Amino acid sequence: NPKNTAYLQMTNLKPEDTAVYSCAAQRVLVFDSEVVCDP
């Protein structure tokens, strides 16, 4: 958070991982609320 950066570390990559990868942000009011991974 201090660097305003998120990461995705990917290991053991497979051909089926081929894609365009995008990051996205969801405004959330509660700091510790659980995330729902719905685009």
PDB file of all heavy atoms in Angstrom:
ATOM      1  N   ASN A   1       0.806  -1.224   0.000  1.00  0.00           N
ATOM      2  CA  ASN A   1       0.000   0.000   0.000  1.00  0.00           C
ATOM      3  C   ASN A   1       0.842   1.277   0.000  1.00  0.00           C
ATOM      4  O   ASN A   1       0.509   2.211  -0.734  1.00  0.00           O
ATOM      5  CB  ASN A   1      -0.983  -0.021   1.159  1.00  0.00           C
ATOM      6  CG  ASN A   1      -2.152  -0.978   0.919  1.00  0.00           C
ATOM      7  OD1 ASN A   1      -2.448  -1.338  -0.217  1.00  0.00           O
ATOM      8  ND2 ASN A   1      -2.798  -1.401   1.992  1.00  0.00           N
ATOM      9  N   PRO A   2       1.914   1.362   0.802  1.00  0.00           N
ATOM     10  CA  PRO A   2       2.715   2.603   0.738  1.00  0.00           C
ATOM     11  C   PRO A   2       3.289   2.877  -0.648  1.00  0.00           C
ATOM     12  O   PRO A   2       3.524   4.037  -1.000  1.00  0.00           O
ATOM     13  CB  PRO A   2       3.824   2.343   1.754  1.00  0.00           C
ATOM     14  CG  PRO A   2       3.225   1.389   2.721  1.00  0.00           C
ATOM     15  CD  PRO A   2       2.373   0.487   1.865  1.00  0.00           C
ATOM     16  N   LYS A   3       3.517   1.821  -1.427  1.00  0.00           N
ATOM     17  CA  LYS A   3       4.037   1.999  -2.779  1.00  0.00           C
ATOM     18  C   LYS A   3       2.939   2.089  -3.824  1.00  0.00           C
ATOM     19  O   LYS A   3       3.227   2.186  -5.023  1.00  0.00           O
ATOM     20  CB  LYS A   3       4.985   0.843  -3.139  1.00  0.00           C
ATOM     21  CG  LYS A   3       6.282   0.828  -2.342  1.00  0.00           C
ATOM     22  CD  LYS A   3       7.212  -0.266  -2.824  1.00  0.00           C
ATOM     23  CE  LYS A   3       8.531  -0.238  -2.077  1.00  0.00           C
ATOM     24  NZ  LYS A   3       9.460  -1.310  -2.535  1.00  0.00           N
ATOM     25  N   ASN A   4       1.668   1.997  -3.361  1.00  0.00           N
ATOM     26  CA  ASN A   4       0.536   2.065  -4.296  1.00  0.00           C
ATOM     27  C   ASN A   4       0.653   1.018  -5.399  1.00  0.00           C
ATOM     28  O   ASN A   4       0.310   1.279  -6.563  1.00  0.00           O
ATOM     29  CB  ASN A   4       0.429   3.462  -4.924  1.00  0.00           C
ATOM     30  CG  ASN A   4      -0.670   4.290  -4.322  1.00  0.00           C
ATOM     31  OD1 ASN A   4      -1.208   3.966  -3.263  1.00  0.00           O
ATOM     32  ND2 ASN A   4      -1.024   5.366  -4.984  1.00  0.00           N
ATOM     33  N   THR A   5       1.103  -0.157  -5.028  1.00  0.00           N
ATOM     34  CA  THR A   5       1.379  -1.197  -6.017  1.00  0.00           C
ATOM     35  C   THR A   5       0.835  -2.542  -5.558  1.00  0.00           C
ATOM     36  O   THR A   5       0.906  -2.879  -4.375  1.00  0.00           O
ATOM     37  CB  THR A   5       2.896  -1.318  -6.267  1.00  0.00           C
ATOM     38  OG1 THR A   5       3.412  -0.058  -6.685  1.00  0.00           O
ATOM     39  CG2 THR A   5       3.187  -2.349  -7.358  1.00  0.00           C
ATOM     40  N   ALA A   6       0.309  -3.288  -6.509  1.00  0.00           N
ATOM     41  CA  ALA A   6      -0.106  -4.667  -6.273  1.00  0.00           C
ATOM     42  C   ALA A   6       0.687  -5.573  -7.213  1.00  0.00           C
ATOM     43  O   ALA A   6       1.163  -5.126  -8.265  1.00  0.00           O
ATOM     44  CB  ALA A   6      -1.597  -4.832  -6.519  1.00  0.00           C
ATOM     45  N   TYR A   7       0.801  -6.830  -6.800  1.00  0.00           N
ATOM     46  CA  TYR A   7       1.621  -7.766  -7.562  1.00  0.00           C
ATOM     47  C   TYR A   7       0.874  -9.073  -7.784  1.00  0.00           C
ATOM     48  O   TYR A   7      -0.001  -9.448  -7.008  1.00  0.00           O
ATOM     49  CB  TYR A   7       2.918  -8.071  -6.802  1.00  0.00           C
ATOM     50  CG  TYR A   7       3.733  -6.861  -6.447  1.00  0.00           C
ATOM     51  CD1 TYR A   7       3.609  -6.264  -5.195  1.00  0.00           C
ATOM     52  CD2 TYR A   7       4.634  -6.306  -7.350  1.00  0.00           C
ATOM     53  CE1 TYR A   7       4.347  -5.147  -4.848  1.00  0.00           C
ATOM     54  CE2 TYR A   7       5.378  -5.180  -7.020  1.00  0.00           C
ATOM     55  CZ  TYR A   7       5.230  -4.614  -5.766  1.00  0.00           C
ATOM     56  OH  TYR A   7       5.976  -3.503  -5.439  1.00  0.00           O
ATOM     57  N   LEU A   8       1.282  -9.752  -8.839  1.00  0.00           N
ATOM     58  CA  LEU A   8       0.828 -11.119  -9.050  1.00  0.00           C
ATOM     59  C   LEU A   8       2.057 -11.941  -9.394  1.00  0.00           C
ATOM     60  O   LEU A   8       2.637 -11.788 -10.480  1.00  0.00           O
ATOM     61  CB  LEU A   8      -0.199 -11.211 -10.179  1.00  0.00           C
ATOM     62  CG  LEU A   8      -0.770 -12.610 -10.393  1.00  0.00           C
ATOM     63  CD1 LEU A   8      -1.635 -13.027  -9.192  1.00  0.00           C
ATOM     64  CD2 LEU A   8      -1.581 -12.687 -11.685  1.00  0.00           C
ATOM     65  N   GLN A   9       2.471 -12.778  -8.448  1.00  0.00           N
ATOM     66  CA  GLN A   9       3.600 -13.668  -8.676  1.00  0.00           C
ATOM     67  C   GLN A   9       3.075 -14.955  -9.269  1.00  0.00           C
ATOM     68  O   GLN A   9       2.198 -15.609  -8.694  1.00  0.00           O
ATOM     69  CB  GLN A   9       4.335 -13.947  -7.377  1.00  0.00           C
ATOM     70  CG  GLN A   9       5.566 -14.821  -7.554  1.00  0.00           C
ATOM     71  CD  GLN A   9       6.352 -14.987  -6.263  1.00  0.00           C
ATOM     72  OE1 GLN A   9       5.966 -14.476  -5.220  1.00  0.00           O
ATOM     73  NE2 GLN A   9       7.452 -15.708  -6.328  1.00  0.00           N
ATOM     74  N   MET A  10       3.607 -15.332 -10.407  1.00  0.00           N
ATOM     75  CA  MET A  10       3.140 -16.510 -11.131  1.00  0.00           C
ATOM     76  C   MET A  10       4.292 -17.499 -11.290  1.00  0.00           C
ATOM     77  O   MET A  10       5.354 -17.135 -11.808  1.00  0.00           O
ATOM     78  CB  MET A  10       2.587 -16.111 -12.501  1.00  0.00           C
ATOM     79  CG  MET A  10       1.507 -15.036 -12.432  1.00  0.00           C
ATOM     80  SD  MET A  10       0.739 -14.700 -14.024  1.00  0.00           S
ATOM     81  CE  MET A  10       2.114 -13.991 -14.894  1.00  0.00           C
ATOM     82  N   THR A  11       4.072 -18.709 -10.859  1.00  0.00           N
ATOM     83  CA  THR A  11       5.087 -19.753 -10.987  1.00  0.00           C
ATOM     84  C   THR A  11       4.496 -20.959 -11.704  1.00  0.00           C
ATOM     85  O   THR A  11       3.273 -21.086 -11.841  1.00  0.00           O
ATOM     86  CB  THR A  11       5.609 -20.184  -9.609  1.00  0.00           C
ATOM     87  OG1 THR A  11       4.536 -20.742  -8.852  1.00  0.00           O
ATOM     88  CG2 THR A  11       6.198 -19.013  -8.855  1.00  0.00           C
ATOM     89  N   ASN A  12       5.382 -21.845 -12.154  1.00  0.00           N
ATOM     90  CA  ASN A  12       4.962 -23.057 -12.851  1.00  0.00           C
ATOM     91  C   ASN A  12       3.918 -22.740 -13.925  1.00  0.00           C
ATOM     92  O   ASN A  12       2.854 -23.371 -13.992  1.00  0.00           O
ATOM     93  CB  ASN A  12       4.406 -24.079 -11.854  1.00  0.00           C
ATOM     94  CG  ASN A  12       4.196 -25.447 -12.469  1.00  0.00           C
ATOM     95  OD1 ASN A  12       4.811 -25.795 -13.477  1.00  0.00           O
ATOM     96  ND2 ASN A  12       3.307 -26.232 -11.870  1.00  0.00           N
ATOM     97  N   LEU A  13       4.238 -21.792 -14.755  1.00  0.00           N
ATOM     98  CA  LEU A  13       3.291 -21.337 -15.773  1.00  0.00           C
ATOM     99  C   LEU A  13       3.022 -22.433 -16.792  1.00  0.00           C
ATOM    100  O   LEU A  13       3.908 -23.221 -17.153  1.00  0.00           O
ATOM    101  CB  LEU A  13       3.807 -20.078 -16.449  1.00  0.00           C
ATOM    102  CG  LEU A  13       3.644 -18.810 -15.615  1.00  0.00           C
ATOM    103  CD1 LEU A  13       4.563 -17.704 -16.103  1.00  0.00           C
ATOM    104  CD2 LEU A  13       2.197 -18.352 -15.635  1.00  0.00           C
ATOM    105  N   LYS A  14       1.786 -22.451 -17.262  1.00  0.00           N
ATOM    106  CA  LYS A  14       1.324 -23.448 -18.222  1.00  0.00           C
ATOM    107  C   LYS A  14       0.811 -22.747 -19.475  1.00  0.00           C
ATOM    108  O   LYS A  14       0.410 -21.582 -19.419  1.00  0.00           O
ATOM    109  CB  LYS A  14       0.199 -24.273 -17.600  1.00  0.00           C
ATOM    110  CG  LYS A  14       0.565 -24.943 -16.284  1.00  0.00           C
ATOM    111  CD  LYS A  14      -0.632 -25.648 -15.673  1.00  0.00           C
ATOM    112  CE  LYS A  14      -0.255 -26.303 -14.354  1.00  0.00           C
ATOM    113  NZ  LYS A  14      -1.402 -27.014 -13.737  1.00  0.00           N
ATOM    114  N   PRO A  15       0.797 -23.448 -20.607  1.00  0.00           N
ATOM    115  CA  PRO A  15       0.286 -22.821 -21.835  1.00  0.00           C
ATOM    116  C   PRO A  15      -1.124 -22.253 -21.668  1.00  0.00           C
ATOM    117  O   PRO A  15      -1.447 -21.218 -22.266  1.00  0.00           O
ATOM    118  CB  PRO A  15       0.317 -23.964 -22.846  1.00  0.00           C
ATOM    119  CG  PRO A  15       1.431 -24.835 -22.377  1.00  0.00           C
ATOM    120  CD  PRO A  15       1.375 -24.774 -20.877  1.00  0.00           C
ATOM    121  N   GLU A  16      -1.930 -22.891 -20.851  1.00  0.00           N
ATOM    122  CA  GLU A  16      -3.303 -22.404 -20.659  1.00  0.00           C
ATOM    123  C   GLU A  16      -3.357 -21.124 -19.836  1.00  0.00           C
ATOM    124  O   GLU A  16      -4.436 -20.526 -19.689  1.00  0.00           O
ATOM    125  CB  GLU A  16      -4.181 -23.478 -20.008  1.00  0.00           C
ATOM    126  CG  GLU A  16      -3.615 -24.098 -18.746  1.00  0.00           C
ATOM    127  CD  GLU A  16      -2.875 -25.393 -19.017  1.00  0.00           C
ATOM    128  OE1 GLU A  16      -2.138 -25.472 -20.034  1.00  0.00           O
ATOM    129  OE2 GLU A  16      -3.025 -26.332 -18.193  1.00  0.00           O
ATOM    130  N   ASP A  17      -2.237 -20.672 -19.307  1.00  0.00           N
ATOM    131  CA  ASP A  17      -2.192 -19.387 -18.616  1.00  0.00           C
ATOM    132  C   ASP A  17      -2.015 -18.227 -19.586  1.00  0.00           C
ATOM    133  O   ASP A  17      -2.074 -17.059 -19.181  1.00  0.00           O
ATOM    134  CB  ASP A  17      -1.037 -19.358 -17.605  1.00  0.00           C
ATOM    135  CG  ASP A  17      -1.231 -20.333 -16.464  1.00  0.00           C
ATOM    136  OD1 ASP A  17      -2.365 -20.456 -15.967  1.00  0.00           O
ATOM    137  OD2 ASP A  17      -0.227 -20.967 -16.063  1.00  0.00           O
ATOM    138  N   THR A  18      -1.796 -18.533 -20.856  1.00  0.00           N
ATOM    139  CA  THR A  18      -1.634 -17.489 -21.857  1.00  0.00           C
ATOM    140  C   THR A  18      -2.885 -16.626 -21.930  1.00  0.00           C
ATOM    141  O   THR A  18      -3.994 -17.132 -22.121  1.00  0.00           O
ATOM    142  CB  THR A  18      -1.346 -18.111 -23.233  1.00  0.00           C
ATOM    143  OG1 THR A  18      -0.087 -18.788 -23.180  1.00  0.00           O
ATOM    144  CG2 THR A  18      -1.309 -17.040 -24.315  1.00  0.00           C
ATOM    145  N   ALA A  19      -2.713 -15.314 -21.763  1.00  0.00           N
ATOM    146  CA  ALA A  19      -3.850 -14.396 -21.741  1.00  0.00           C
ATOM    147  C   ALA A  19      -3.340 -12.971 -21.563  1.00  0.00           C
ATOM    148  O   ALA A  19      -2.160 -12.754 -21.284  1.00  0.00           O
ATOM    149  CB  ALA A  19      -4.802 -14.739 -20.598  1.00  0.00           C
ATOM    150  N   VAL A  20      -4.248 -12.036 -21.714  1.00  0.00           N
ATOM    151  CA  VAL A  20      -3.994 -10.658 -21.298  1.00  0.00           C
ATOM    152  C   VAL A  20      -4.425 -10.545 -19.839  1.00  0.00           C
ATOM    153  O   VAL A  20      -5.565 -10.862 -19.503  1.00  0.00           O
ATOM    154  CB  VAL A  20      -4.770  -9.652 -22.163  1.00  0.00           C
ATOM    155  CG1 VAL A  20      -4.579  -8.237 -21.629  1.00  0.00           C
ATOM    156  CG2 VAL A  20      -4.302  -9.733 -23.616  1.00  0.00           C
ATOM    157  N   TYR A  21      -3.502 -10.104 -19.008  1.00  0.00           N
ATOM    158  CA  TYR A  21      -3.753  -9.979 -17.573  1.00  0.00           C
ATOM    159  C   TYR A  21      -3.981  -8.510 -17.232  1.00  0.00           C
ATOM    160  O   TYR A  21      -3.163  -7.650 -17.585  1.00  0.00           O
ATOM    161  CB  TYR A  21      -2.576 -10.522 -16.783  1.00  0.00           C
ATOM    162  CG  TYR A  21      -2.511 -12.024 -16.781  1.00  0.00           C
ATOM    163  CD1 TYR A  21      -2.183 -12.728 -17.935  1.00  0.00           C
ATOM    164  CD2 TYR A  21      -2.798 -12.758 -15.634  1.00  0.00           C
ATOM    165  CE1 TYR A  21      -2.144 -14.117 -17.945  1.00  0.00           C
ATOM    166  CE2 TYR A  21      -2.750 -14.146 -15.632  1.00  0.00           C
ATOM    167  CZ  TYR A  21      -2.432 -14.815 -16.798  1.00  0.00           C
ATOM    168  OH  TYR A  21      -2.398 -16.188 -16.797  1.00  0.00           O
ATOM    169  N   SER A  22      -5.075  -8.262 -16.526  1.00  0.00           N
ATOM    170  CA  SER A  22      -5.418  -6.899 -16.134  1.00  0.00           C
ATOM    171  C   SER A  22      -5.612  -6.833 -14.629  1.00  0.00           C
ATOM    172  O   SER A  22      -6.128  -7.778 -14.026  1.00  0.00           O
ATOM    173  CB  SER A  22      -6.703  -6.458 -16.821  1.00  0.00           C
ATOM    174  OG  SER A  22      -6.592  -6.495 -18.227  1.00  0.00           O
ATOM    175  N   CYS A  23      -5.200  -5.709 -14.059  1.00  0.00           N
ATOM    176  CA  CYS A  23      -5.540  -5.480 -12.663  1.00  0.00           C
ATOM    177  C   CYS A  23      -6.717  -4.511 -12.601  1.00  0.00           C
ATOM    178  O   CYS A  23      -6.947  -3.724 -13.526  1.00  0.00           O
ATOM    179  CB  CYS A  23      -4.347  -4.952 -11.867  1.00  0.00           C
ATOM    180  SG  CYS A  23      -3.784  -3.312 -12.331  1.00  0.00           S
ATOM    181  N   ALA A  24      -7.447  -4.592 -11.519  1.00  0.00           N
ATOM    182  CA  ALA A  24      -8.622  -3.759 -11.342  1.00  0.00           C
ATOM    183  C   ALA A  24      -8.777  -3.415  -9.873  1.00  0.00           C
ATOM    184  O   ALA A  24      -8.279  -4.126  -8.995  1.00  0.00           O
ATOM    185  CB  ALA A  24      -9.871  -4.479 -11.854  1.00  0.00           C
ATOM    186  N   ALA A  25      -9.459  -2.314  -9.621  1.00  0.00           N
ATOM    187  CA  ALA A  25      -9.646  -1.838  -8.252  1.00  0.00           C
ATOM    188  C   ALA A  25     -11.119  -1.652  -7.956  1.00  0.00           C
ATOM    189  O   ALA A  25     -11.903  -1.243  -8.814  1.00  0.00           O
ATOM    190  CB  ALA A  25      -8.904  -0.522  -8.059  1.00  0.00           C
ATOM    191  N   GLN A  26     -11.469  -1.977  -6.715  1.00  0.00           N
ATOM    192  CA  GLN A  26     -12.842  -1.874  -6.231  1.00  0.00           C
ATOM    193  C   GLN A  26     -12.831  -1.015  -4.971  1.00  0.00           C
ATOM    194  O   GLN A  26     -12.169  -1.377  -3.991  1.00  0.00           O
ATOM    195  CB  GLN A  26     -13.375  -3.273  -5.919  1.00  0.00           C
ATOM    196  CG  GLN A  26     -14.732  -3.304  -5.277  1.00  0.00           C
ATOM    197  CD  GLN A  26     -15.102  -4.686  -4.757  1.00  0.00           C
ATOM    198  OE1 GLN A  26     -15.998  -4.849  -3.949  1.00  0.00           O
ATOM    199  NE2 GLN A  26     -14.421  -5.717  -5.226  1.00  0.00           N
ATOM    200  N   ARG A  27     -13.577   0.087  -4.995  1.00  0.00           N
ATOM    201  CA  ARG A  27     -13.650   0.935  -3.819  1.00  0.00           C
ATOM    202  C   ARG A  27     -14.398   0.216  -2.710  1.00  0.00           C
ATOM    203  O   ARG A  27     -15.521  -0.250  -2.902  1.00  0.00           O
ATOM    204  CB  ARG A  27     -14.352   2.244  -4.157  1.00  0.00           C
ATOM    205  CG  ARG A  27     -14.435   3.243  -3.004  1.00  0.00           C
ATOM    206  CD  ARG A  27     -13.093   3.842  -2.700  1.00  0.00           C
ATOM    207  NE  ARG A  27     -13.218   4.921  -1.706  1.00  0.00           N
ATOM    208  CZ  ARG A  27     -13.051   4.735  -0.405  1.00  0.00           C
ATOM    209  NH1 ARG A  27     -12.747   3.536   0.064  1.00  0.00           N
ATOM    210  NH2 ARG A  27     -13.174   5.761   0.417  1.00  0.00           N
ATOM    211  N   VAL A  28     -13.759   0.107  -1.551  1.00  0.00           N
ATOM    212  CA  VAL A  28     -14.352  -0.606  -0.420  1.00  0.00           C
ATOM    213  C   VAL A  28     -14.217   0.270   0.822  1.00  0.00           C
ATOM    214  O   VAL A  28     -13.138   0.807   1.086  1.00  0.00           O
ATOM    215  CB  VAL A  28     -13.638  -1.958  -0.196  1.00  0.00           C
ATOM    216  CG1 VAL A  28     -14.201  -2.663   1.025  1.00  0.00           C
ATOM    217  CG2 VAL A  28     -13.759  -2.838  -1.436  1.00  0.00           C
ATOM    218  N   LEU A  29     -15.286   0.398   1.583  1.00  0.00           N
ATOM    219  CA  LEU A  29     -15.263   1.280   2.741  1.00  0.00           C
ATOM    220  C   LEU A  29     -14.595   0.655   3.968  1.00  0.00           C
ATOM    221  O   LEU A  29     -13.887   1.337   4.711  1.00  0.00           O
ATOM    222  CB  LEU A  29     -16.687   1.709   3.097  1.00  0.00           C
ATOM    223  CG  LEU A  29     -17.413   2.556   2.038  1.00  0.00           C
ATOM    224  CD1 LEU A  29     -18.817   2.912   2.525  1.00  0.00           C
ATOM    225  CD2 LEU A  29     -16.627   3.816   1.726  1.00  0.00           C
ATOM    226  N   VAL A  30     -14.788  -0.650   4.147  1.00  0.00           N
ATOM    227  CA  VAL A  30     -14.275  -1.321   5.342  1.00  0.00           C
ATOM    228  C   VAL A  30     -12.908  -1.920   5.048  1.00  0.00           C
ATOM    229  O   VAL A  30     -12.752  -2.724   4.122  1.00  0.00           O
ATOM    230  CB  VAL A  30     -15.250  -2.408   5.826  1.00  0.00           C
ATOM    231  CG1 VAL A  30     -14.694  -3.113   7.059  1.00  0.00           C
ATOM    232  CG2 VAL A  30     -16.618  -1.806   6.100  1.00  0.00           C
ATOM    233  N   PHE A  31     -11.918  -1.581   5.856  1.00  0.00           N
ATOM    234  CA  PHE A  31     -10.540  -1.959   5.589  1.00  0.00           C
ATOM    235  C   PHE A  31     -10.325  -3.469   5.589  1.00  0.00           C
ATOM    236  O   PHE A  31      -9.570  -3.996   4.776  1.00  0.00           O
ATOM    237  CB  PHE A  31      -9.630  -1.295   6.628  1.00  0.00           C
ATOM    238  CG  PHE A  31      -8.156  -1.435   6.350  1.00  0.00           C
ATOM    239  CD1 PHE A  31      -7.602  -0.866   5.218  1.00  0.00           C
ATOM    240  CD2 PHE A  31      -7.328  -2.120   7.228  1.00  0.00           C
ATOM    241  CE1 PHE A  31      -6.248  -0.975   4.951  1.00  0.00           C
ATOM    242  CE2 PHE A  31      -5.965  -2.234   6.972  1.00  0.00           C
ATOM    243  CZ  PHE A  31      -5.429  -1.655   5.834  1.00  0.00           C
ATOM    244  N   ASP A  32     -11.002  -4.169   6.502  1.00  0.00           N
ATOM    245  CA  ASP A  32     -10.752  -5.604   6.629  1.00  0.00           C
ATOM    246  C   ASP A  32     -11.854  -6.478   6.034  1.00  0.00           C
ATOM    247  O   ASP A  32     -11.854  -7.687   6.266  1.00  0.00           O
ATOM    248  CB  ASP A  32     -10.584  -5.970   8.109  1.00  0.00           C
ATOM    249  CG  ASP A  32      -9.239  -5.518   8.646  1.00  0.00           C
ATOM    250  OD1 ASP A  32      -8.284  -5.465   7.855  1.00  0.00           O
ATOM    251  OD2 ASP A  32      -9.145  -5.230   9.855  1.00  0.00           O
ATOM    252  N   SER A  33     -12.772  -5.882   5.303  1.00  0.00           N
ATOM    253  CA  SER A  33     -13.850  -6.706   4.738  1.00  0.00           C
ATOM    254  C   SER A  33     -13.289  -7.667   3.701  1.00  0.00           C
ATOM    255  O   SER A  33     -12.289  -7.373   3.024  1.00  0.00           O
ATOM    256  CB  SER A  33     -14.923  -5.818   4.120  1.00  0.00           C
ATOM    257  OG  SER A  33     -14.385  -5.083   3.033  1.00  0.00           O
ATOM    258  N   GLU A  34     -13.924  -8.807   3.571  1.00  0.00           N
ATOM    259  CA  GLU A  34     -13.471  -9.798   2.613  1.00  0.00           C
ATOM    260  C   GLU A  34     -13.755  -9.342   1.182  1.00  0.00           C
ATOM    261  O   GLU A  34     -14.705  -8.637   0.923  1.00  0.00           O
ATOM    262  CB  GLU A  34     -14.147 -11.144   2.890  1.00  0.00           C
ATOM    263  CG  GLU A  34     -13.739 -11.749   4.222  1.00  0.00           C
ATOM    264  CD  GLU A  34     -14.281 -13.147   4.429  1.00  0.00           C
ATOM    265  OE1 GLU A  34     -15.124 -13.591   3.635  1.00  0.00           O
ATOM    266  OE2 GLU A  34     -13.832 -13.805   5.401  1.00  0.00           O
ATOM    267  N   VAL A  35     -12.908  -9.789   0.281  1.00  0.00           N
ATOM    268  CA  VAL A  35     -13.050  -9.411  -1.122  1.00  0.00           C
ATOM    269  C   VAL A  35     -13.849 -10.472  -1.869  1.00  0.00           C
ATOM    270  O   VAL A  35     -13.742 -11.662  -1.573  1.00  0.00           O
ATOM    271  CB  VAL A  35     -11.664  -9.208  -1.772  1.00  0.00           C
ATOM    272  CG1 VAL A  35     -10.862 -10.511  -1.779  1.00  0.00           C
ATOM    273  CG2 VAL A  35     -11.793  -8.617  -3.163  1.00  0.00           C
ATOM    274  N   VAL A  36     -14.652 -10.020  -2.813  1.00  0.00           N
ATOM    275  CA  VAL A  36     -15.369 -10.906  -3.732  1.00  0.00           C
ATOM    276  C   VAL A  36     -14.778 -10.695  -5.112  1.00  0.00           C
ATOM    277  O   VAL A  36     -14.771  -9.582  -5.635  1.00  0.00           O
ATOM    278  CB  VAL A  36     -16.878 -10.596  -3.740  1.00  0.00           C
ATOM    279  CG1 VAL A  36     -17.595 -11.497  -4.751  1.00  0.00           C
ATOM    280  CG2 VAL A  36     -17.465 -10.785  -2.351  1.00  0.00           C
ATOM    281  N   CYS A  37     -14.279 -11.769  -5.693  1.00  0.00           N
ATOM    282  CA  CYS A  37     -13.520 -11.651  -6.943  1.00  0.00           C
ATOM    283  C   CYS A  37     -14.450 -11.723  -8.154  1.00  0.00           C
ATOM    284  O   CYS A  37     -14.304 -12.588  -9.006  1.00  0.00           O
ATOM    285  CB  CYS A  37     -12.458 -12.746  -6.990  1.00  0.00           C
ATOM    286  SG  CYS A  37     -10.988 -12.305  -7.954  1.00  0.00           S
ATOM    287  N   ASP A  38     -15.355 -10.776  -8.213  1.00  0.00           N
ATOM    288  CA  ASP A  38     -16.340 -10.685  -9.296  1.00  0.00           C
ATOM    289  C   ASP A  38     -16.007  -9.442 -10.108  1.00  0.00           C
ATOM    290  O   ASP A  38     -16.052  -8.329  -9.571  1.00  0.00           O
ATOM    291  CB  ASP A  38     -17.736 -10.586  -8.690  1.00  0.00           C
ATOM    292  CG  ASP A  38     -18.818 -10.421  -9.733  1.00  0.00           C
ATOM    293  OD1 ASP A  38     -18.495 -10.201 -10.916  1.00  0.00           O
ATOM    294  OD2 ASP A  38     -20.001 -10.523  -9.362  1.00  0.00           O
ATOM    295  N   PRO A  39     -15.668  -9.600 -11.398  1.00  0.00           N
ATOM    296  CA  PRO A  39     -15.245  -8.433 -12.181  1.00  0.00           C
ATOM    297  C   PRO A  39     -16.278  -7.310 -12.223  1.00  0.00           C
ATOM    298  O   PRO A  39     -15.907  -6.137 -12.372  1.00  0.00           O
ATOM    299  CB  PRO A  39     -14.974  -9.007 -13.576  1.00  0.00           C
ATOM    300  CG  PRO A  39     -15.628 -10.337 -13.608  1.00  0.00           C
ATOM    301  CD  PRO A  39     -15.652 -10.831 -12.207  1.00  0.00           C
TER     302      PRO A  39
END
